[in-house]
């Protein structure tokens, strides 16, 4: 899924007519795909599963209950000894590359 040309006009603080916060479909897709990456990753592989600010992006794209479910789901992977997680600060951008390695 690619971002629309005017994605910068639709900021995180943009409120829809029914007072719900704007949810970036590109970020929602990336967050949901990260869990698919964890499942499909084979032993010995390393892969970038997300680029940006994980907590900030989850909180801005999903309402309270949904974000809590995502964080709880992520906690199960973080506690799993088969995975190791690292992050690398991006040079010219504000954010990180989040990397998973399956042992």
PDB file of N, CA and C in Angstrom:
ATOM      1  N   UNK A   1       0.844  -1.166   0.000  1.00  0.00           N
ATOM      2  CA  UNK A   1       0.000   0.000   0.000  1.00  0.00           C
ATOM      3  C   UNK A   1       0.894   1.236   0.000  1.00  0.00           C
ATOM      4  N   UNK A   2       0.693   2.129  -0.917  1.00  0.00           N
ATOM      5  CA  UNK A   2       1.488   3.342  -0.988  1.00  0.00           C
ATOM      6  C   UNK A   2       0.717   4.504  -0.395  1.00  0.00           C
ATOM      7  N   UNK A   3       1.465   5.489   0.028  1.00  0.00           N
ATOM      8  CA  UNK A   3       0.834   6.668   0.607  1.00  0.00           C
ATOM      9  C   UNK A   3       0.243   7.538  -0.499  1.00  0.00           C
ATOM     10  N   UNK A   4      -0.884   8.179  -0.228  1.00  0.00           N
ATOM     11  CA  UNK A   4      -1.447   9.109  -1.205  1.00  0.00           C
ATOM     12  C   UNK A   4      -0.552  10.333  -1.338  1.00  0.00           C
ATOM     13  N   UNK A   5      -0.672  11.033  -2.455  1.00  0.00           N
ATOM     14  CA  UNK A   5       0.178  12.198  -2.706  1.00  0.00           C
ATOM     15  C   UNK A   5      -0.007  13.291  -1.667  1.00  0.00           C
ATOM     16  N   UNK A   6      -1.167  13.400  -1.083  1.00  0.00           N
ATOM     17  CA  UNK A   6      -1.437  14.463  -0.126  1.00  0.00           C
ATOM     18  C   UNK A   6      -1.404  13.964   1.323  1.00  0.00           C
ATOM     19  N   UNK A   7      -0.616  12.942   1.620  1.00  0.00           N
ATOM     20  CA  UNK A   7      -0.638  12.346   2.952  1.00  0.00           C
ATOM     21  C   UNK A   7      -0.158  13.319   4.020  1.00  0.00           C
ATOM     22  N   UNK A   8       0.693  14.293   3.653  1.00  0.00           N
ATOM     23  CA  UNK A   8       1.188  15.245   4.654  1.00  0.00           C
ATOM     24  C   UNK A   8       0.094  16.222   5.080  1.00  0.00           C
ATOM     25  N   UNK A   9      -0.905  16.447   4.221  1.00  0.00           N
ATOM     26  CA  UNK A   9      -2.006  17.335   4.565  1.00  0.00           C
ATOM     27  C   UNK A   9      -2.896  16.736   5.648  1.00  0.00           C
ATOM     28  N   UNK A  10      -2.896  15.424   5.746  1.00  0.00           N
ATOM     29  CA  UNK A  10      -3.737  14.722   6.707  1.00  0.00           C
ATOM     30  C   UNK A  10      -2.888  14.339   7.910  1.00  0.00           C
ATOM     31  N   UNK A  11      -2.624  15.289   8.786  1.00  0.00           N
ATOM     32  CA  UNK A  11      -1.730  15.068   9.914  1.00  0.00           C
ATOM     33  C   UNK A  11      -2.395  14.201  10.975  1.00  0.00           C
ATOM     34  N   UNK A  12      -1.591  13.793  11.974  1.00  0.00           N
ATOM     35  CA  UNK A  12      -2.112  12.967  13.056  1.00  0.00           C
ATOM     36  C   UNK A  12      -3.146  13.720  13.889  1.00  0.00           C
ATOM     37  N   UNK A  13      -3.025  15.023  13.959  1.00  0.00           N
ATOM     38  CA  UNK A  13      -3.924  15.813  14.779  1.00  0.00           C
ATOM     39  C   UNK A  13      -5.208  16.203  14.032  1.00  0.00           C
ATOM     40  N   UNK A  14      -5.287  15.820  12.787  1.00  0.00           N
ATOM     41  CA  UNK A  14      -6.460  16.144  11.987  1.00  0.00           C
ATOM     42  C   UNK A  14      -7.654  15.349  12.517  1.00  0.00           C
ATOM     43  N   UNK A  15      -8.756  16.022  12.752  1.00  0.00           N
ATOM     44  CA  UNK A  15      -9.944  15.380  13.319  1.00  0.00           C
ATOM     45  C   UNK A  15     -11.020  15.273  12.243  1.00  0.00           C
ATOM     46  N   UNK A  16     -11.634  14.093  12.141  1.00  0.00           N
ATOM     47  CA  UNK A  16     -12.722  13.908  11.189  1.00  0.00           C
ATOM     48  C   UNK A  16     -13.981  14.611  11.685  1.00  0.00           C
ATOM     49  N   UNK A  17     -14.983  14.665  10.824  1.00  0.00           N
ATOM     50  CA  UNK A  17     -16.224  15.360  11.162  1.00  0.00           C
ATOM     51  C   UNK A  17     -16.918  14.778  12.387  1.00  0.00           C
ATOM     52  N   UNK A  18     -16.777  13.494  12.624  1.00  0.00           N
ATOM     53  CA  UNK A  18     -17.439  12.874  13.776  1.00  0.00           C
ATOM     54  C   UNK A  18     -16.516  12.816  15.005  1.00  0.00           C
ATOM     55  N   UNK A  19     -15.505  13.688  15.025  1.00  0.00           N
ATOM     56  CA  UNK A  19     -14.586  13.848  16.151  1.00  0.00           C
ATOM     57  C   UNK A  19     -13.700  12.639  16.430  1.00  0.00           C
ATOM     58  N   UNK A  20     -13.538  11.760  15.457  1.00  0.00           N
ATOM     59  CA  UNK A  20     -12.587  10.671  15.604  1.00  0.00           C
ATOM     60  C   UNK A  20     -11.243  11.126  15.030  1.00  0.00           C
ATOM     61  N   UNK A  21     -10.122  10.707  15.624  1.00  0.00           N
ATOM     62  CA  UNK A  21      -8.828  11.107  15.083  1.00  0.00           C
ATOM     63  C   UNK A  21      -8.569  10.439  13.735  1.00  0.00           C
ATOM     64  N   UNK A  22      -7.768  11.109  12.913  1.00  0.00           N
ATOM     65  CA  UNK A  22      -7.398  10.555  11.612  1.00  0.00           C
ATOM     66  C   UNK A  22      -6.482   9.364  11.816  1.00  0.00           C
ATOM     67  N   UNK A  23      -6.743   8.274  11.121  1.00  0.00           N
ATOM     68  CA  UNK A  23      -5.920   7.080  11.201  1.00  0.00           C
ATOM     69  C   UNK A  23      -5.251   6.863   9.856  1.00  0.00           C
ATOM     70  N   UNK A  24      -3.945   7.006   9.825  1.00  0.00           N
ATOM     71  CA  UNK A  24      -3.168   6.873   8.598  1.00  0.00           C
ATOM     72  C   UNK A  24      -3.228   5.427   8.101  1.00  0.00           C
ATOM     73  N   UNK A  25      -3.847   5.176   6.947  1.00  0.00           N
ATOM     74  CA  UNK A  25      -3.969   3.789   6.468  1.00  0.00           C
ATOM     75  C   UNK A  25      -2.620   3.154   6.166  1.00  0.00           C
ATOM     76  N   UNK A  26      -1.642   3.940   5.747  1.00  0.00           N
ATOM     77  CA  UNK A  26      -0.306   3.407   5.459  1.00  0.00           C
ATOM     78  C   UNK A  26       0.341   2.884   6.746  1.00  0.00           C
ATOM     79  N   UNK A  27       0.286   3.675   7.807  1.00  0.00           N
ATOM     80  CA  UNK A  27       0.869   3.249   9.083  1.00  0.00           C
ATOM     81  C   UNK A  27       0.117   2.059   9.672  1.00  0.00           C
ATOM     82  N   UNK A  28      -1.207   2.089   9.594  1.00  0.00           N
ATOM     83  CA  UNK A  28      -1.996   0.956  10.097  1.00  0.00           C
ATOM     84  C   UNK A  28      -1.586  -0.328   9.403  1.00  0.00           C
ATOM     85  N   UNK A  29      -1.381  -0.249   8.089  1.00  0.00           N
ATOM     86  CA  UNK A  29      -0.981  -1.420   7.311  1.00  0.00           C
ATOM     87  C   UNK A  29       0.407  -1.903   7.727  1.00  0.00           C
ATOM     88  N   UNK A  30       1.342  -0.966   7.923  1.00  0.00           N
ATOM     89  CA  UNK A  30       2.697  -1.341   8.344  1.00  0.00           C
ATOM     90  C   UNK A  30       2.696  -2.005   9.717  1.00  0.00           C
ATOM     91  N   UNK A  31       1.904  -1.470  10.629  1.00  0.00           N
ATOM     92  CA  UNK A  31       1.837  -2.033  11.977  1.00  0.00           C
ATOM     93  C   UNK A  31       1.251  -3.438  11.939  1.00  0.00           C
ATOM     94  N   UNK A  32       0.189  -3.632  11.188  1.00  0.00           N
ATOM     95  CA  UNK A  32      -0.424  -4.960  11.081  1.00  0.00           C
ATOM     96  C   UNK A  32       0.493  -5.951  10.370  1.00  0.00           C
ATOM     97  N   UNK A  33       1.235  -5.500   9.360  1.00  0.00           N
ATOM     98  CA  UNK A  33       2.143  -6.387   8.633  1.00  0.00           C
ATOM     99  C   UNK A  33       3.336  -6.809   9.472  1.00  0.00           C
ATOM    100  N   UNK A  34       3.690  -6.021  10.488  1.00  0.00           N
ATOM    101  CA  UNK A  34       4.840  -6.379  11.307  1.00  0.00           C
ATOM    102  C   UNK A  34       4.614  -7.716  12.011  1.00  0.00           C
ATOM    103  N   UNK A  35       3.398  -7.990  12.432  1.00  0.00           N
ATOM    104  CA  UNK A  35       3.115  -9.268  13.096  1.00  0.00           C
ATOM    105  C   UNK A  35       3.173 -10.430  12.111  1.00  0.00           C
ATOM    106  N   UNK A  36       2.822 -10.177  10.866  1.00  0.00           N
ATOM    107  CA  UNK A  36       2.952 -11.205   9.823  1.00  0.00           C
ATOM    108  C   UNK A  36       4.429 -11.513   9.586  1.00  0.00           C
ATOM    109  N   UNK A  37       5.265 -10.480   9.617  1.00  0.00           N
ATOM    110  CA  UNK A  37       6.711 -10.668   9.452  1.00  0.00           C
ATOM    111  C   UNK A  37       7.254 -11.564  10.555  1.00  0.00           C
ATOM    112  N   UNK A  38       6.812 -11.347  11.792  1.00  0.00           N
ATOM    113  CA  UNK A  38       7.281 -12.181  12.905  1.00  0.00           C
ATOM    114  C   UNK A  38       6.940 -13.653  12.664  1.00  0.00           C
ATOM    115  N   UNK A  39       5.723 -13.903  12.209  1.00  0.00           N
ATOM    116  CA  UNK A  39       5.270 -15.284  11.999  1.00  0.00           C
ATOM    117  C   UNK A  39       6.015 -15.973  10.861  1.00  0.00           C
ATOM    118  N   UNK A  40       6.320 -15.238   9.809  1.00  0.00           N
ATOM    119  CA  UNK A  40       6.940 -15.835   8.622  1.00  0.00           C
ATOM    120  C   UNK A  40       8.452 -15.882   8.666  1.00  0.00           C
ATOM    121  N   UNK A  41       9.052 -15.223   9.628  1.00  0.00           N
ATOM    122  CA  UNK A  41      10.497 -15.165   9.723  1.00  0.00           C
ATOM    123  C   UNK A  41      11.055 -16.535  10.076  1.00  0.00           C
ATOM    124  N   UNK A  42      12.040 -16.979   9.324  1.00  0.00           N
ATOM    125  CA  UNK A  42      12.644 -18.286   9.573  1.00  0.00           C
ATOM    126  C   UNK A  42      13.856 -18.131  10.481  1.00  0.00           C
ATOM    127  N   UNK A  43      14.261 -19.236  11.070  1.00  0.00           N
ATOM    128  CA  UNK A  43      15.408 -19.205  11.989  1.00  0.00           C
ATOM    129  C   UNK A  43      16.641 -18.653  11.283  1.00  0.00           C
ATOM    130  N   UNK A  44      17.352 -17.764  11.991  1.00  0.00           N
ATOM    131  CA  UNK A  44      18.577 -17.182  11.453  1.00  0.00           C
ATOM    132  C   UNK A  44      18.356 -15.948  10.599  1.00  0.00           C
ATOM    133  N   UNK A  45      17.113 -15.619  10.292  1.00  0.00           N
ATOM    134  CA  UNK A  45      16.832 -14.446   9.466  1.00  0.00           C
ATOM    135  C   UNK A  45      16.724 -13.194  10.313  1.00  0.00           C
ATOM    136  N   UNK A  46      17.029 -12.063   9.672  1.00  0.00           N
ATOM    137  CA  UNK A  46      16.916 -10.748  10.303  1.00  0.00           C
ATOM    138  C   UNK A  46      16.168  -9.852   9.329  1.00  0.00           C
ATOM    139  N   UNK A  47      15.237  -9.035   9.826  1.00  0.00           N
ATOM    140  CA  UNK A  47      14.442  -8.200   8.931  1.00  0.00           C
ATOM    141  C   UNK A  47      13.953  -6.944   9.653  1.00  0.00           C
ATOM    142  N   UNK A  48      13.872  -5.838   8.900  1.00  0.00           N
ATOM    143  CA  UNK A  48      13.281  -4.608   9.416  1.00  0.00           C
ATOM    144  C   UNK A  48      11.768  -4.777   9.351  1.00  0.00           C
ATOM    145  N   UNK A  49      11.103  -4.658  10.491  1.00  0.00           N
ATOM    146  CA  UNK A  49       9.658  -4.844  10.509  1.00  0.00           C
ATOM    147  C   UNK A  49       8.880  -3.538  10.600  1.00  0.00           C
ATOM    148  N   UNK A  50       9.553  -2.443  10.968  1.00  0.00           N
ATOM    149  CA  UNK A  50       8.854  -1.165  11.073  1.00  0.00           C
ATOM    150  C   UNK A  50       9.869  -0.040  11.022  1.00  0.00           C
ATOM    151  N   UNK A  51       9.479   1.064  10.395  1.00  0.00           N
ATOM    152  CA  UNK A  51      10.309   2.262  10.342  1.00  0.00           C
ATOM    153  C   UNK A  51       9.472   3.432  10.829  1.00  0.00           C
ATOM    154  N   UNK A  52       9.956   4.131  11.835  1.00  0.00           N
ATOM    155  CA  UNK A  52       9.223   5.259  12.403  1.00  0.00           C
ATOM    156  C   UNK A  52       9.376   5.282  13.903  1.00  0.00           C
ATOM    157  N   UNK A  53       8.348   5.668  14.605  1.00  0.00           N
ATOM    158  CA  UNK A  53       8.293   5.643  16.065  1.00  0.00           C
ATOM    159  C   UNK A  53       7.157   4.716  16.467  1.00  0.00           C
ATOM    160  N   UNK A  54       7.487   3.501  16.868  1.00  0.00           N
ATOM    161  CA  UNK A  54       6.492   2.455  17.093  1.00  0.00           C
ATOM    162  C   UNK A  54       5.385   2.901  18.043  1.00  0.00           C
ATOM    163  N   UNK A  55       5.748   3.325  19.242  1.00  0.00           N
ATOM    164  CA  UNK A  55       4.733   3.654  20.245  1.00  0.00           C
ATOM    165  C   UNK A  55       3.877   4.834  19.793  1.00  0.00           C
ATOM    166  N   UNK A  56       4.501   5.878  19.330  1.00  0.00           N
ATOM    167  CA  UNK A  56       3.775   7.076  18.888  1.00  0.00           C
ATOM    168  C   UNK A  56       2.830   6.746  17.730  1.00  0.00           C
ATOM    169  N   UNK A  57       3.311   5.948  16.777  1.00  0.00           N
ATOM    170  CA  UNK A  57       2.495   5.617  15.610  1.00  0.00           C
ATOM    171  C   UNK A  57       1.334   4.699  15.965  1.00  0.00           C
ATOM    172  N   UNK A  58       1.557   3.744  16.866  1.00  0.00           N
ATOM    173  CA  UNK A  58       0.459   2.867  17.294  1.00  0.00           C
ATOM    174  C   UNK A  58      -0.596   3.683  18.033  1.00  0.00           C
ATOM    175  N   UNK A  59      -0.143   4.558  18.924  1.00  0.00           N
ATOM    176  CA  UNK A  59      -1.088   5.369  19.699  1.00  0.00           C
ATOM    177  C   UNK A  59      -1.883   6.320  18.811  1.00  0.00           C
ATOM    178  N   UNK A  60      -1.280   6.818  17.732  1.00  0.00           N
ATOM    179  CA  UNK A  60      -1.985   7.777  16.884  1.00  0.00           C
ATOM    180  C   UNK A  60      -2.886   7.104  15.852  1.00  0.00           C
ATOM    181  N   UNK A  61      -2.619   5.850  15.530  1.00  0.00           N
ATOM    182  CA  UNK A  61      -3.418   5.174  14.492  1.00  0.00           C
ATOM    183  C   UNK A  61      -4.524   4.290  15.048  1.00  0.00           C
ATOM    184  N   UNK A  62      -4.435   3.924  16.307  1.00  0.00           N
ATOM    185  CA  UNK A  62      -5.430   3.029  16.891  1.00  0.00           C
ATOM    186  C   UNK A  62      -5.982   3.651  18.173  1.00  0.00           C
ATOM    187  N   UNK A  63      -7.295   3.590  18.371  1.00  0.00           N
ATOM    188  CA  UNK A  63      -7.884   4.089  19.618  1.00  0.00           C
ATOM    189  C   UNK A  63      -7.396   3.268  20.815  1.00  0.00           C
ATOM    190  N   UNK A  64      -7.667   3.743  22.006  1.00  0.00           N
ATOM    191  CA  UNK A  64      -7.148   3.171  23.242  1.00  0.00           C
ATOM    192  C   UNK A  64      -7.187   1.669  23.377  1.00  0.00           C
ATOM    193  N   UNK A  65      -8.348   1.060  23.217  1.00  0.00           N
ATOM    194  CA  UNK A  65      -8.467  -0.378  23.422  1.00  0.00           C
ATOM    195  C   UNK A  65      -7.675  -1.159  22.380  1.00  0.00           C
ATOM    196  N   UNK A  66      -7.739  -0.703  21.129  1.00  0.00           N
ATOM    197  CA  UNK A  66      -6.997  -1.390  20.071  1.00  0.00           C
ATOM    198  C   UNK A  66      -5.498  -1.274  20.278  1.00  0.00           C
ATOM    199  N   UNK A  67      -5.029  -0.098  20.673  1.00  0.00           N
ATOM    200  CA  UNK A  67      -3.590   0.072  20.891  1.00  0.00           C
ATOM    201  C   UNK A  67      -3.127  -0.804  22.053  1.00  0.00           C
ATOM    202  N   UNK A  68      -3.937  -0.938  23.089  1.00  0.00           N
ATOM    203  CA  UNK A  68      -3.582  -1.822  24.199  1.00  0.00           C
ATOM    204  C   UNK A  68      -3.453  -3.266  23.739  1.00  0.00           C
ATOM    205  N   UNK A  69      -4.340  -3.710  22.850  1.00  0.00           N
ATOM    206  CA  UNK A  69      -4.264  -5.074  22.311  1.00  0.00           C
ATOM    207  C   UNK A  69      -2.990  -5.264  21.493  1.00  0.00           C
ATOM    208  N   UNK A  70      -2.630  -4.243  20.714  1.00  0.00           N
ATOM    209  CA  UNK A  70      -1.412  -4.333  19.899  1.00  0.00           C
ATOM    210  C   UNK A  70      -0.180  -4.400  20.797  1.00  0.00           C
ATOM    211  N   UNK A  71      -0.130  -3.567  21.836  1.00  0.00           N
ATOM    212  CA  UNK A  71       1.012  -3.591  22.742  1.00  0.00           C
ATOM    213  C   UNK A  71       1.096  -4.920  23.494  1.00  0.00           C
ATOM    214  N   UNK A  72      -0.055  -5.485  23.857  1.00  0.00           N
ATOM    215  CA  UNK A  72      -0.074  -6.780  24.540  1.00  0.00           C
ATOM    216  C   UNK A  72       0.415  -7.890  23.599  1.00  0.00           C
ATOM    217  N   UNK A  73      -0.008  -7.819  22.341  1.00  0.00           N
ATOM    218  CA  UNK A  73       0.434  -8.803  21.343  1.00  0.00           C
ATOM    219  C   UNK A  73       1.942  -8.681  21.112  1.00  0.00           C
ATOM    220  N   UNK A  74       2.435  -7.446  21.057  1.00  0.00           N
ATOM    221  CA  UNK A  74       3.862  -7.217  20.868  1.00  0.00           C
ATOM    222  C   UNK A  74       4.648  -7.731  22.065  1.00  0.00           C
ATOM    223  N   UNK A  75       4.081  -7.582  23.266  1.00  0.00           N
ATOM    224  CA  UNK A  75       4.756  -8.055  24.475  1.00  0.00           C
ATOM    225  C   UNK A  75       4.988  -9.555  24.422  1.00  0.00           C
ATOM    226  N   UNK A  76       4.050 -10.328  23.831  1.00  0.00           N
ATOM    227  CA  UNK A  76       4.241 -11.777  23.738  1.00  0.00           C
ATOM    228  C   UNK A  76       5.445 -12.105  22.862  1.00  0.00           C
ATOM    229  N   UNK A  77       5.656 -11.333  21.797  1.00  0.00           N
ATOM    230  CA  UNK A  77       6.827 -11.556  20.945  1.00  0.00           C
ATOM    231  C   UNK A  77       8.106 -11.096  21.643  1.00  0.00           C
ATOM    232  N   UNK A  78       8.040  -9.989  22.380  1.00  0.00           N
ATOM    233  CA  UNK A  78       9.216  -9.495  23.091  1.00  0.00           C
ATOM    234  C   UNK A  78       9.661 -10.473  24.173  1.00  0.00           C
ATOM    235  N   UNK A  79       8.714 -11.162  24.794  1.00  0.00           N
ATOM    236  CA  UNK A  79       9.030 -12.129  25.845  1.00  0.00           C
ATOM    237  C   UNK A  79       9.461 -13.481  25.285  1.00  0.00           C
ATOM    238  N   UNK A  80       9.231 -13.713  24.000  1.00  0.00           N
ATOM    239  CA  UNK A  80       9.591 -14.974  23.365  1.00  0.00           C
ATOM    240  C   UNK A  80      11.104 -15.031  23.164  1.00  0.00           C
ATOM    241  N   UNK A  81      11.742 -16.085  23.644  1.00  0.00           N
ATOM    242  CA  UNK A  81      13.206 -16.223  23.559  1.00  0.00           C
ATOM    243  C   UNK A  81      13.691 -16.505  22.137  1.00  0.00           C
ATOM    244  N   UNK A  82      12.792 -16.867  21.223  1.00  0.00           N
ATOM    245  CA  UNK A  82      13.192 -17.144  19.841  1.00  0.00           C
ATOM    246  C   UNK A  82      13.469 -15.874  19.053  1.00  0.00           C
ATOM    247  N   UNK A  83      13.029 -14.729  19.548  1.00  0.00           N
ATOM    248  CA  UNK A  83      13.198 -13.463  18.832  1.00  0.00           C
ATOM    249  C   UNK A  83      14.098 -12.531  19.628  1.00  0.00           C
ATOM    250  N   UNK A  84      14.910 -11.765  18.903  1.00  0.00           N
ATOM    251  CA  UNK A  84      15.620 -10.657  19.534  1.00  0.00           C
ATOM    252  C   UNK A  84      15.315  -9.403  18.722  1.00  0.00           C
ATOM    253  N   UNK A  85      15.091  -8.312  19.428  1.00  0.00           N
ATOM    254  CA  UNK A  85      14.667  -7.063  18.810  1.00  0.00           C
ATOM    255  C   UNK A  85      15.721  -5.991  19.031  1.00  0.00           C
ATOM    256  N   UNK A  86      15.992  -5.234  17.987  1.00  0.00           N
ATOM    257  CA  UNK A  86      16.900  -4.094  18.078  1.00  0.00           C
ATOM    258  C   UNK A  86      16.290  -2.933  17.321  1.00  0.00           C
ATOM    259  N   UNK A  87      16.852  -1.758  17.552  1.00  0.00           N
ATOM    260  CA  UNK A  87      16.412  -0.594  16.796  1.00  0.00           C
ATOM    261  C   UNK A  87      17.633   0.237  16.448  1.00  0.00           C
ATOM    262  N   UNK A  88      17.558   0.882  15.296  1.00  0.00           N
ATOM    263  CA  UNK A  88      18.644   1.706  14.810  1.00  0.00           C
ATOM    264  C   UNK A  88      18.100   3.104  14.521  1.00  0.00           C
ATOM    265  N   UNK A  89      18.746   4.116  15.067  1.00  0.00           N
ATOM    266  CA  UNK A  89      18.331   5.510  14.841  1.00  0.00           C
ATOM    267  C   UNK A  89      18.604   5.872  13.387  1.00  0.00           C
ATOM    268  N   UNK A  90      17.611   6.478  12.746  1.00  0.00           N
ATOM    269  CA  UNK A  90      17.773   6.917  11.366  1.00  0.00           C
ATOM    270  C   UNK A  90      18.582   8.211  11.332  1.00  0.00           C
ATOM    271  N   UNK A  91      19.455   8.328  10.356  1.00  0.00           N
ATOM    272  CA  UNK A  91      20.375   9.456  10.271  1.00  0.00           C
ATOM    273  C   UNK A  91      19.660  10.786  10.039  1.00  0.00           C
ATOM    274  N   UNK A  92      18.915  10.897   8.956  1.00  0.00           N
ATOM    275  CA  UNK A  92      18.358  12.186   8.543  1.00  0.00           C
ATOM    276  C   UNK A  92      16.885  12.368   8.897  1.00  0.00           C
ATOM    277  N   UNK A  93      16.292  11.366   9.507  1.00  0.00           N
ATOM    278  CA  UNK A  93      14.868  11.417   9.821  1.00  0.00           C
ATOM    279  C   UNK A  93      14.649  11.253  11.317  1.00  0.00           C
ATOM    280  N   UNK A  94      13.488  11.675  11.760  1.00  0.00           N
ATOM    281  CA  UNK A  94      13.114  11.476  13.145  1.00  0.00           C
ATOM    282  C   UNK A  94      12.430  10.124  13.261  1.00  0.00           C
ATOM    283  N   UNK A  95      13.123   9.144  13.755  1.00  0.00           N
ATOM    284  CA  UNK A  95      12.540   7.821  13.900  1.00  0.00           C
ATOM    285  C   UNK A  95      13.614   6.747  13.946  1.00  0.00           C
ATOM    286  N   UNK A  96      13.158   5.511  13.924  1.00  0.00           N
ATOM    287  CA  UNK A  96      14.039   4.370  14.058  1.00  0.00           C
ATOM    288  C   UNK A  96      13.671   3.298  13.042  1.00  0.00           C
ATOM    289  N   UNK A  97      14.638   2.426  12.783  1.00  0.00           N
ATOM    290  CA  UNK A  97      14.368   1.178  12.070  1.00  0.00           C
ATOM    291  C   UNK A  97      14.280   0.106  13.146  1.00  0.00           C
ATOM    292  N   UNK A  98      13.182  -0.584  13.196  1.00  0.00           N
ATOM    293  CA  UNK A  98      12.980  -1.642  14.176  1.00  0.00           C
ATOM    294  C   UNK A  98      13.271  -2.970  13.497  1.00  0.00           C
ATOM    295  N   UNK A  99      14.197  -3.728  14.077  1.00  0.00           N
ATOM    296  CA  UNK A  99      14.708  -4.950  13.444  1.00  0.00           C
ATOM    297  C   UNK A  99      14.418  -6.138  14.354  1.00  0.00           C
ATOM    298  N   UNK A 100      13.973  -7.227  13.736  1.00  0.00           N
ATOM    299  CA  UNK A 100      13.748  -8.469  14.473  1.00  0.00           C
ATOM    300  C   UNK A 100      14.705  -9.520  13.918  1.00  0.00           C
ATOM    301  N   UNK A 101      15.248 -10.339  14.813  1.00  0.00           N
ATOM    302  CA  UNK A 101      16.126 -11.448  14.428  1.00  0.00           C
ATOM    303  C   UNK A 101      15.583 -12.706  15.090  1.00  0.00           C
ATOM    304  N   UNK A 102      15.332 -13.718  14.274  1.00  0.00           N
ATOM    305  CA  UNK A 102      14.833 -14.979  14.834  1.00  0.00           C
ATOM    306  C   UNK A 102      16.009 -15.914  15.047  1.00  0.00           C
ATOM    307  N   UNK A 103      16.144 -16.377  16.277  1.00  0.00           N
ATOM    308  CA  UNK A 103      17.271 -17.248  16.626  1.00  0.00           C
ATOM    309  C   UNK A 103      17.038 -18.664  16.213  1.00  0.00           C
TER     310      UNK A 103
END
